[in-house]
Amino acid sequence: MDDIFVARVMSSDVHTVTPDTLVEDAGKLMLEKDIGSVMVVDEDNQLEGILTTTDFVQIVAERKPKDQTPVSAYMTTDVITVTAQDGIRDAADVMVDHGFHHTPVVDEDEGVIGMLTTSDLASYLSRAETPSPA
């Protein structure tokens, strides 16, 4: 598993919003696409934050008007990311150490290029061939 890179496992069909997207619209997108997070990017596709289903617990608890509240009010901005060239064991360690279910995959030039999720890792592990005993 050490020689498998994030690029092989990550989801590349990512869904993004801008910091000024209303949380109501971000929530609708997440429901429509059946996803647990959206990445918040600038006009150059550079990561500015992430908004997850966990953030919506806070939004609901604080009862802010969702039709007037921008994503930037709730997104996590100190996002820990991985690159496509990182090993999946290292990426999984980052996710476990921080309790993450979603980790953005970024490229220095292209910005956001994918998302690594616990489902991606589980899917990979369920398909990985186990070496036969010698």
Protein backbone atom coordinates (compact mmCIF):
# COMPACT_ATOMS: atom_id res chain seq x y z
CA MET A 1 0.00 0.00 0.00
CA ASP A 2 2.98 2.34 0.50
CA ASP A 3 3.58 2.76 -3.22
CA ILE A 4 -0.01 3.71 -4.07
CA PHE A 5 -0.49 7.43 -4.57
CA VAL A 6 -3.46 9.63 -3.69
CA ALA A 7 -4.06 10.30 -7.41
CA ARG A 8 -5.08 6.66 -7.90
CA VAL A 9 -7.66 6.70 -5.13
CA MET A 10 -9.05 10.25 -4.93
CA SER A 11 -12.37 11.41 -6.31
CA SER A 12 -11.72 13.86 -9.12
CA ASP A 13 -15.35 14.86 -9.58
CA VAL A 14 -15.16 17.69 -7.06
CA HIS A 15 -17.82 20.23 -6.27
CA THR A 16 -16.77 23.75 -5.44
CA VAL A 17 -18.36 26.99 -4.34
CA THR A 18 -17.03 30.50 -3.82
CA PRO A 19 -16.70 32.22 -0.43
CA ASP A 20 -19.74 34.38 -1.18
CA THR A 21 -22.01 31.43 -2.03
CA LEU A 22 -24.91 31.33 0.39
CA VAL A 23 -24.89 28.38 2.80
CA GLU A 24 -28.41 27.55 1.65
CA ASP A 25 -27.14 27.09 -1.92
CA ALA A 26 -24.12 25.10 -0.75
CA GLY A 27 -26.42 22.84 1.27
CA LYS A 28 -28.69 22.28 -1.71
CA LEU A 29 -25.67 21.34 -3.85
CA MET A 30 -24.48 18.88 -1.22
CA LEU A 31 -27.92 17.27 -1.05
CA GLU A 32 -28.35 17.13 -4.83
CA LYS A 33 -24.92 15.55 -5.34
CA ASP A 34 -25.15 13.38 -2.19
CA ILE A 35 -21.79 14.64 -0.94
CA GLY A 36 -20.51 15.48 2.53
CA SER A 37 -18.50 18.58 1.68
CA VAL A 38 -17.78 21.29 -0.84
CA MET A 39 -14.46 22.98 -1.38
CA VAL A 40 -14.42 26.76 -1.34
CA VAL A 41 -12.21 28.18 -4.08
CA ASP A 42 -11.26 31.55 -5.49
CA GLU A 43 -11.51 32.58 -9.14
CA ASP A 44 -8.22 30.75 -9.89
CA ASN A 45 -9.48 27.46 -8.37
CA GLN A 46 -7.17 27.90 -5.38
CA LEU A 47 -8.49 26.45 -2.15
CA GLU A 48 -9.74 28.96 0.39
CA GLY A 49 -11.67 26.62 2.67
CA ILE A 50 -13.97 23.65 3.04
CA LEU A 51 -17.58 23.40 4.18
CA THR A 52 -18.75 20.04 5.51
CA THR A 53 -21.92 18.50 6.86
CA THR A 54 -20.46 19.01 10.33
CA ASP A 55 -20.46 22.77 9.70
CA PHE A 56 -24.19 22.61 9.02
CA VAL A 57 -24.81 21.42 12.58
CA GLN A 58 -23.37 24.74 13.76
CA ILE A 59 -25.33 26.69 11.15
CA VAL A 60 -28.60 25.12 12.25
CA ALA A 61 -27.78 25.47 15.94
CA GLU A 62 -27.03 29.18 15.54
CA ARG A 63 -30.20 29.68 13.45
CA LYS A 64 -28.56 32.18 11.10
CA PRO A 65 -30.71 33.05 8.09
CA LYS A 66 -29.34 30.59 5.56
CA ASP A 67 -30.58 32.69 2.66
CA GLN A 68 -28.34 35.57 3.76
CA THR A 69 -25.27 33.86 5.23
CA PRO A 70 -22.22 33.34 2.98
CA VAL A 71 -20.16 30.15 3.09
CA SER A 72 -17.16 32.21 4.25
CA ALA A 73 -18.87 32.66 7.65
CA TYR A 74 -18.63 28.92 8.42
CA MET A 75 -15.98 27.36 6.20
CA THR A 76 -12.79 25.98 7.67
CA THR A 77 -9.92 28.09 6.39
CA ASP A 78 -6.88 26.34 7.87
CA VAL A 79 -7.44 23.35 5.61
CA ILE A 80 -4.96 20.51 5.73
CA THR A 81 -4.48 19.15 2.21
CA VAL A 82 -2.66 16.38 0.37
CA THR A 83 -1.21 16.20 -3.13
CA ALA A 84 -1.81 13.63 -5.83
CA GLN A 85 1.77 12.38 -5.36
CA ASP A 86 1.40 11.69 -1.62
CA GLY A 87 1.22 8.05 -0.61
CA ILE A 88 -2.22 6.93 0.50
CA ARG A 89 -0.85 5.60 3.80
CA ASP A 90 0.47 9.09 4.64
CA ALA A 91 -2.81 10.67 3.52
CA ALA A 92 -4.81 8.17 5.58
CA ASP A 93 -2.62 8.92 8.61
CA VAL A 94 -3.39 12.65 8.21
CA MET A 95 -7.11 11.90 8.05
CA VAL A 96 -7.04 9.62 11.10
CA ASP A 97 -4.82 11.97 13.13
CA HIS A 98 -7.22 14.88 12.55
CA GLY A 99 -10.51 12.95 12.47
CA PHE A 100 -11.20 14.02 8.88
CA HIS A 101 -13.65 12.33 6.53
CA HIS A 102 -12.66 14.57 3.59
CA THR A 103 -9.25 15.88 2.58
CA PRO A 104 -8.81 18.18 -0.43
CA VAL A 105 -6.21 17.19 -3.01
CA VAL A 106 -4.42 20.21 -4.41
CA ASP A 107 -1.83 21.03 -7.03
CA GLU A 108 0.38 24.09 -6.69
CA ASP A 109 -0.46 25.30 -10.20
CA GLU A 110 -3.95 23.91 -10.84
CA GLY A 111 -5.40 24.44 -7.38
CA VAL A 112 -8.07 21.96 -6.35
CA ILE A 113 -7.85 18.73 -8.35
CA GLY A 114 -9.68 16.22 -6.18
CA MET A 115 -10.99 15.06 -2.84
CA LEU A 116 -9.84 12.08 -0.83
CA THR A 117 -12.56 10.64 1.37
CA THR A 118 -12.79 7.80 3.82
CA SER A 119 -15.11 6.15 1.28
CA ASP A 120 -12.35 6.37 -1.37
CA LEU A 121 -9.91 4.66 0.98
CA ALA A 122 -12.42 1.98 1.99
CA SER A 123 -13.30 1.34 -1.65
CA TYR A 124 -9.64 0.95 -2.55
CA LEU A 125 -8.99 -1.42 0.35
CA SER A 126 -12.00 -3.57 -0.52
CA ARG A 127 -10.61 -4.06 -4.05
CA ALA A 128 -6.92 -4.42 -3.11
CA GLU A 129 -5.58 -7.88 -3.68
CA THR A 130 -4.24 -9.64 -0.64
CA PRO A 131 -0.97 -11.46 -1.30
CA SER A 132 -1.34 -15.20 -1.02
CA PRO A 133 0.64 -16.82 1.81
CA ALA A 134 3.96 -18.25 0.70
